PDB file of all heavy atoms in Angstrom:
ATOM      1  N   PHE A   1      93.291 107.330  92.089  1.00  0.00           N
ATOM      2  CA  PHE A   1      92.175 106.417  91.746  1.00  0.00           C
ATOM      3  C   PHE A   1      91.998 105.305  92.781  1.00  0.00           C
ATOM      4  O   PHE A   1      90.904 105.019  93.235  1.00  0.00           O
ATOM      5  CB  PHE A   1      92.402 105.815  90.353  1.00  0.00           C
ATOM      6  CG  PHE A   1      91.366 104.793  89.994  1.00  0.00           C
ATOM      7  CD1 PHE A   1      90.073 105.173  89.686  1.00  0.00           C
ATOM      8  CD2 PHE A   1      91.679 103.436  89.991  1.00  0.00           C
ATOM      9  CE1 PHE A   1      89.120 104.251  89.361  1.00  0.00           C
ATOM     10  CE2 PHE A   1      90.735 102.499  89.661  1.00  0.00           C
ATOM     11  CZ  PHE A   1      89.452 102.884  89.348  1.00  0.00           C
ATOM     12  N   ALA A   2      93.141 104.697  93.189  1.00  0.00           N
ATOM     13  CA  ALA A   2      93.065 103.623  94.175  1.00  0.00           C
ATOM     14  C   ALA A   2      92.596 104.145  95.530  1.00  0.00           C
ATOM     15  O   ALA A   2      91.813 103.471  96.237  1.00  0.00           O
ATOM     16  CB  ALA A   2      94.450 102.932  94.335  1.00  0.00           C
ATOM     17  N   ALA A   3      93.013 105.354  95.925  1.00  0.00           N
ATOM     18  CA  ALA A   3      92.563 105.907  97.169  1.00  0.00           C
ATOM     19  C   ALA A   3      91.057 106.217  97.143  1.00  0.00           C
ATOM     20  O   ALA A   3      90.358 105.992  98.121  1.00  0.00           O
ATOM     21  CB  ALA A   3      93.316 107.200  97.454  1.00  0.00           C
ATOM     22  N   LEU A   4      90.539 106.673  96.012  1.00  0.00           N
ATOM     23  CA  LEU A   4      89.108 106.873  95.885  1.00  0.00           C
ATOM     24  C   LEU A   4      88.359 105.557  95.970  1.00  0.00           C
ATOM     25  O   LEU A   4      87.284 105.466  96.596  1.00  0.00           O
ATOM     26  CB  LEU A   4      88.791 107.580  94.581  1.00  0.00           C
ATOM     27  CG  LEU A   4      89.137 109.059  94.517  1.00  0.00           C
ATOM     28  CD1 LEU A   4      88.902 109.584  93.114  1.00  0.00           C
ATOM     29  CD2 LEU A   4      88.301 109.820  95.546  1.00  0.00           C
ATOM     30  N   ARG A   5      88.910 104.491  95.420  1.00  0.00           N
ATOM     31  CA  ARG A   5      88.252 103.189  95.453  1.00  0.00           C
ATOM     32  C   ARG A   5      88.259 102.625  96.872  1.00  0.00           C
ATOM     33  O   ARG A   5      87.371 101.923  97.294  1.00  0.00           O
ATOM     34  CB  ARG A   5      88.928 102.177  94.515  1.00  0.00           C
ATOM     35  CG  ARG A   5      88.694 102.479  93.050  1.00  0.00           C
ATOM     36  CD  ARG A   5      87.199 102.410  92.712  1.00  0.00           C
ATOM     37  NE  ARG A   5      86.674 101.090  92.906  1.00  0.00           N
ATOM     38  CZ  ARG A   5      85.392 100.828  93.175  1.00  0.00           C
ATOM     39  NH1 ARG A   5      84.497 101.778  93.246  1.00  0.00           N
ATOM     40  NH2 ARG A   5      84.993  99.585  93.337  1.00  0.00           N
ATOM     41  N   VAL A   6      89.329 102.944  97.648  1.00  0.00           N
ATOM     42  CA  VAL A   6      89.369 102.507  99.056  1.00  0.00           C
ATOM     43  C   VAL A   6      88.164 103.089  99.843  1.00  0.00           C
ATOM     44  O   VAL A   6      87.525 102.436 100.617  1.00  0.00           O
ATOM     45  CB  VAL A   6      90.685 102.939  99.740  1.00  0.00           C
ATOM     46  CG1 VAL A   6      90.631 102.729 101.229  1.00  0.00           C
ATOM     47  CG2 VAL A   6      91.856 102.142  99.186  1.00  0.00           C
ATOM     48  N   VAL A   7      87.870 104.332  99.545  1.00  0.00           N
ATOM     49  CA  VAL A   7      86.762 105.012 100.290  1.00  0.00           C
ATOM     50  C   VAL A   7      85.406 104.613  99.743  1.00  0.00           C
ATOM     51  O   VAL A   7      84.437 104.488 100.528  1.00  0.00           O
ATOM     52  CB  VAL A   7      87.005 106.551 100.217  1.00  0.00           C
ATOM     53  CG1 VAL A   7      85.881 107.289 100.912  1.00  0.00           C
ATOM     54  CG2 VAL A   7      88.346 106.926 100.835  1.00  0.00           C
ATOM     55  N   THR A   8      85.293 104.398  98.449  1.00  0.00           N
ATOM     56  CA  THR A   8      83.955 104.220  97.869  1.00  0.00           C
ATOM     57  C   THR A   8      83.498 102.777  97.738  1.00  0.00           C
ATOM     58  O   THR A   8      82.322 102.537  97.582  1.00  0.00           O
ATOM     59  CB  THR A   8      83.916 104.844  96.470  1.00  0.00           C
ATOM     60  OG1 THR A   8      84.935 104.272  95.678  1.00  0.00           O
ATOM     61  CG2 THR A   8      84.084 106.333  96.513  1.00  0.00           C
ATOM     62  N   THR A   9      84.416 101.798  97.854  1.00  0.00           N
ATOM     63  CA  THR A   9      83.988 100.406  97.718  1.00  0.00           C
ATOM     64  C   THR A   9      83.215  99.959  98.913  1.00  0.00           C
ATOM     65  O   THR A   9      83.480 100.401 100.037  1.00  0.00           O
ATOM     66  CB  THR A   9      85.169  99.496  97.406  1.00  0.00           C
ATOM     67  OG1 THR A   9      84.733  98.221  97.059  1.00  0.00           O
ATOM     68  CG2 THR A   9      86.100  99.392  98.639  1.00  0.00           C
ATOM     69  N   ARG A  10      82.291  99.034  98.702  1.00  0.00           N
ATOM     70  CA  ARG A  10      81.437  98.564  99.805  1.00  0.00           C
ATOM     71  C   ARG A  10      82.046  97.390 100.523  1.00  0.00           C
ATOM     72  O   ARG A  10      81.812  97.167 101.693  1.00  0.00           O
ATOM     73  CB  ARG A  10      80.059  98.162  99.275  1.00  0.00           C
ATOM     74  CG  ARG A  10      79.249  99.354  98.808  1.00  0.00           C
ATOM     75  CD  ARG A  10      77.895  98.901  98.372  1.00  0.00           C
ATOM     76  NE  ARG A  10      77.043 100.002  98.017  1.00  0.00           N
ATOM     77  CZ  ARG A  10      76.243 100.645  98.899  1.00  0.00           C
ATOM     78  NH1 ARG A  10      76.237 100.244 100.148  1.00  0.00           N
ATOM     79  NH2 ARG A  10      75.498 101.611  98.536  1.00  0.00           N
ATOM     80  N   ASN A  11      82.806  96.553  99.849  1.00  0.00           N
ATOM     81  CA  ASN A  11      83.365  95.358 100.450  1.00  0.00           C
ATOM     82  C   ASN A  11      84.664  95.725 101.176  1.00  0.00           C
ATOM     83  O   ASN A  11      85.589  96.244 100.539  1.00  0.00           O
ATOM     84  CB  ASN A  11      83.632  94.326  99.349  1.00  0.00           C
ATOM     85  CG  ASN A  11      83.997  93.007  99.886  1.00  0.00           C
ATOM     86  OD1 ASN A  11      84.382  92.838 101.065  1.00  0.00           O
ATOM     87  ND2 ASN A  11      83.882  91.976  99.065  1.00  0.00           N
ATOM     88  N   PRO A  12      84.845  95.426 102.448  1.00  0.00           N
ATOM     89  CA  PRO A  12      86.073  95.812 103.193  1.00  0.00           C
ATOM     90  C   PRO A  12      87.309  95.063 102.660  1.00  0.00           C
ATOM     91  O   PRO A  12      88.395  95.593 102.743  1.00  0.00           O
ATOM     92  CB  PRO A  12      85.753  95.467 104.627  1.00  0.00           C
ATOM     93  CG  PRO A  12      84.619  94.558 104.592  1.00  0.00           C
ATOM     94  CD  PRO A  12      83.858  94.856 103.351  1.00  0.00           C
ATOM     95  N   VAL A  13      87.134  93.852 102.180  1.00  0.00           N
ATOM     96  CA  VAL A  13      88.265  93.115 101.631  1.00  0.00           C
ATOM     97  C   VAL A  13      88.753  93.797 100.339  1.00  0.00           C
ATOM     98  O   VAL A  13      89.948  93.947 100.129  1.00  0.00           O
ATOM     99  CB  VAL A  13      87.900  91.654 101.452  1.00  0.00           C
ATOM    100  CG1 VAL A  13      89.052  90.905 100.797  1.00  0.00           C
ATOM    101  CG2 VAL A  13      87.506  90.989 102.705  1.00  0.00           C
ATOM    102  N   HIS A  14      87.828  94.197  99.475  1.00  0.00           N
ATOM    103  CA  HIS A  14      88.213  94.898  98.286  1.00  0.00           C
ATOM    104  C   HIS A  14      88.877  96.231  98.613  1.00  0.00           C
ATOM    105  O   HIS A  14      89.823  96.644  97.947  1.00  0.00           O
ATOM    106  CB  HIS A  14      86.992  95.161  97.382  1.00  0.00           C
ATOM    107  CG  HIS A  14      86.467  93.890  96.821  1.00  0.00           C
ATOM    108  ND1 HIS A  14      85.229  93.854  96.172  1.00  0.00           N
ATOM    109  CD2 HIS A  14      86.904  92.606  96.787  1.00  0.00           C
ATOM    110  CE1 HIS A  14      84.978  92.598  95.775  1.00  0.00           C
ATOM    111  NE2 HIS A  14      85.968  91.830  96.177  1.00  0.00           N
ATOM    112  N   ALA A  15      88.375  96.931  99.643  1.00  0.00           N
ATOM    113  CA  ALA A  15      89.011  98.162 100.069  1.00  0.00           C
ATOM    114  C   ALA A  15      90.433  97.958 100.534  1.00  0.00           C
ATOM    115  O   ALA A  15      91.308  98.737 100.227  1.00  0.00           O
ATOM    116  CB  ALA A  15      88.186  98.802 101.213  1.00  0.00           C
ATOM    117  N   ALA A  16      90.658  96.844 101.231  1.00  0.00           N
ATOM    118  CA  ALA A  16      92.035  96.512 101.671  1.00  0.00           C
ATOM    119  C   ALA A  16      92.937  96.256 100.475  1.00  0.00           C
ATOM    120  O   ALA A  16      94.088  96.651 100.457  1.00  0.00           O
ATOM    121  CB  ALA A  16      91.998  95.339 102.614  1.00  0.00           C
ATOM    122  N   LEU A  17      92.428  95.600  99.452  1.00  0.00           N
ATOM    123  CA  LEU A  17      93.252  95.330  98.297  1.00  0.00           C
ATOM    124  C   LEU A  17      93.543  96.606  97.494  1.00  0.00           C
ATOM    125  O   LEU A  17      94.636  96.783  96.962  1.00  0.00           O
ATOM    126  CB  LEU A  17      92.554  94.289  97.394  1.00  0.00           C
ATOM    127  CG  LEU A  17      92.405  92.896  98.036  1.00  0.00           C
ATOM    128  CD1 LEU A  17      91.650  91.975  97.134  1.00  0.00           C
ATOM    129  CD2 LEU A  17      93.800  92.313  98.350  1.00  0.00           C
ATOM    130  N   TRP A  18      92.543  97.504  97.419  1.00  0.00           N
ATOM    131  CA  TRP A  18      92.821  98.796  96.833  1.00  0.00           C
ATOM    132  C   TRP A  18      93.889  99.581  97.627  1.00  0.00           C
ATOM    133  O   TRP A  18      94.700 100.277  97.030  1.00  0.00           O
ATOM    134  CB  TRP A  18      91.542  99.618  96.685  1.00  0.00           C
ATOM    135  CG  TRP A  18      90.678  99.189  95.523  1.00  0.00           C
ATOM    136  CD1 TRP A  18      89.464  98.608  95.640  1.00  0.00           C
ATOM    137  CD2 TRP A  18      90.927  99.321  94.131  1.00  0.00           C
ATOM    138  NE1 TRP A  18      88.957  98.335  94.375  1.00  0.00           N
ATOM    139  CE2 TRP A  18      89.846  98.801  93.441  1.00  0.00           C
ATOM    140  CE3 TRP A  18      92.013  99.882  93.412  1.00  0.00           C
ATOM    141  CZ2 TRP A  18      89.767  98.756  92.050  1.00  0.00           C
ATOM    142  CZ3 TRP A  18      91.931  99.818  92.039  1.00  0.00           C
ATOM    143  CH2 TRP A  18      90.827  99.299  91.370  1.00  0.00           C
ATOM    144  N   LEU A  19      93.893  99.407  98.916  1.00  0.00           N
ATOM    145  CA  LEU A  19      94.836 100.078  99.770  1.00  0.00           C
ATOM    146  C   LEU A  19      96.236  99.502  99.517  1.00  0.00           C
ATOM    147  O   LEU A  19      97.254 100.242  99.582  1.00  0.00           O
ATOM    148  CB  LEU A  19      94.442  99.962 101.231  1.00  0.00           C
ATOM    149  CG  LEU A  19      95.173 100.867 102.209  1.00  0.00           C
ATOM    150  CD1 LEU A  19      95.035 102.323 101.837  1.00  0.00           C
ATOM    151  CD2 LEU A  19      94.655 100.627 103.600  1.00  0.00           C
ATOM    152  N   VAL A  20      96.303  98.238  99.222  1.00  0.00           N
ATOM    153  CA  VAL A  20      97.592  97.625  98.859  1.00  0.00           C
ATOM    154  C   VAL A  20      98.113  98.291  97.588  1.00  0.00           C
ATOM    155  O   VAL A  20      99.325  98.595  97.484  1.00  0.00           O
ATOM    156  CB  VAL A  20      97.446  96.081  98.691  1.00  0.00           C
ATOM    157  CG1 VAL A  20      98.663  95.471  98.016  1.00  0.00           C
ATOM    158  CG2 VAL A  20      97.201  95.417 100.026  1.00  0.00           C
ATOM    159  N   LEU A  21      97.293  98.485  96.609  1.00  0.00           N
ATOM    160  CA  LEU A  21      97.690  99.181  95.377  1.00  0.00           C
ATOM    161  C   LEU A  21      98.155 100.624  95.698  1.00  0.00           C
ATOM    162  O   LEU A  21      99.156 101.093  95.129  1.00  0.00           O
ATOM    163  CB  LEU A  21      96.537  99.212  94.372  1.00  0.00           C
ATOM    164  CG  LEU A  21      96.846  99.921  93.046  1.00  0.00           C
ATOM    165  CD1 LEU A  21      98.005  99.215  92.322  1.00  0.00           C
ATOM    166  CD2 LEU A  21      95.619  99.996  92.198  1.00  0.00           C
ATOM    167  N   CYS A  22      97.474 101.306  96.629  1.00  0.00           N
ATOM    168  CA  CYS A  22      97.905 102.621  97.044  1.00  0.00           C
ATOM    169  C   CYS A  22      99.358 102.576  97.606  1.00  0.00           C
ATOM    170  O   CYS A  22     100.198 103.402  97.286  1.00  0.00           O
ATOM    171  CB  CYS A  22      96.978 103.194  98.101  1.00  0.00           C
ATOM    172  SG  CYS A  22      95.387 103.739  97.544  1.00  0.00           S
ATOM    173  N   PHE A  23      99.564 101.579  98.449  1.00  0.00           N
ATOM    174  CA  PHE A  23     100.932 101.502  99.056  1.00  0.00           C
ATOM    175  C   PHE A  23     101.977 101.243  98.000  1.00  0.00           C
ATOM    176  O   PHE A  23     103.103 101.752  98.092  1.00  0.00           O
ATOM    177  CB  PHE A  23     100.930 100.397 100.139  1.00  0.00           C
ATOM    178  CG  PHE A  23     100.197 100.770 101.387  1.00  0.00           C
ATOM    179  CD1 PHE A  23      99.510  99.829 102.093  1.00  0.00           C
ATOM    180  CD2 PHE A  23     100.143 102.082 101.819  1.00  0.00           C
ATOM    181  CE1 PHE A  23      98.796 100.172 103.254  1.00  0.00           C
ATOM    182  CE2 PHE A  23      99.496 102.450 102.988  1.00  0.00           C
ATOM    183  CZ  PHE A  23      98.797 101.490 103.700  1.00  0.00           C
ATOM    184  N   PHE A  24     101.714 100.345  97.043  1.00  0.00           N
ATOM    185  CA  PHE A  24     102.662 100.050  95.996  1.00  0.00           C
ATOM    186  C   PHE A  24     102.996 101.291  95.128  1.00  0.00           C
ATOM    187  O   PHE A  24     104.157 101.537  94.817  1.00  0.00           O
ATOM    188  CB  PHE A  24     102.221  98.907  95.128  1.00  0.00           C
ATOM    189  CG  PHE A  24     102.623  97.535  95.629  1.00  0.00           C
ATOM    190  CD1 PHE A  24     101.674  96.662  96.117  1.00  0.00           C
ATOM    191  CD2 PHE A  24     103.906  97.159  95.661  1.00  0.00           C
ATOM    192  CE1 PHE A  24     102.052  95.418  96.579  1.00  0.00           C
ATOM    193  CE2 PHE A  24     104.313  95.938  96.149  1.00  0.00           C
ATOM    194  CZ  PHE A  24     103.371  95.063  96.608  1.00  0.00           C
TER     195      PHE A  24
END
């Protein structure tokens, strides 16, 4: 779910925060 949000979100800062969740 977090990886999909990284790709689909429009805001790059939000994408980076979703990527942090992916890493965790």
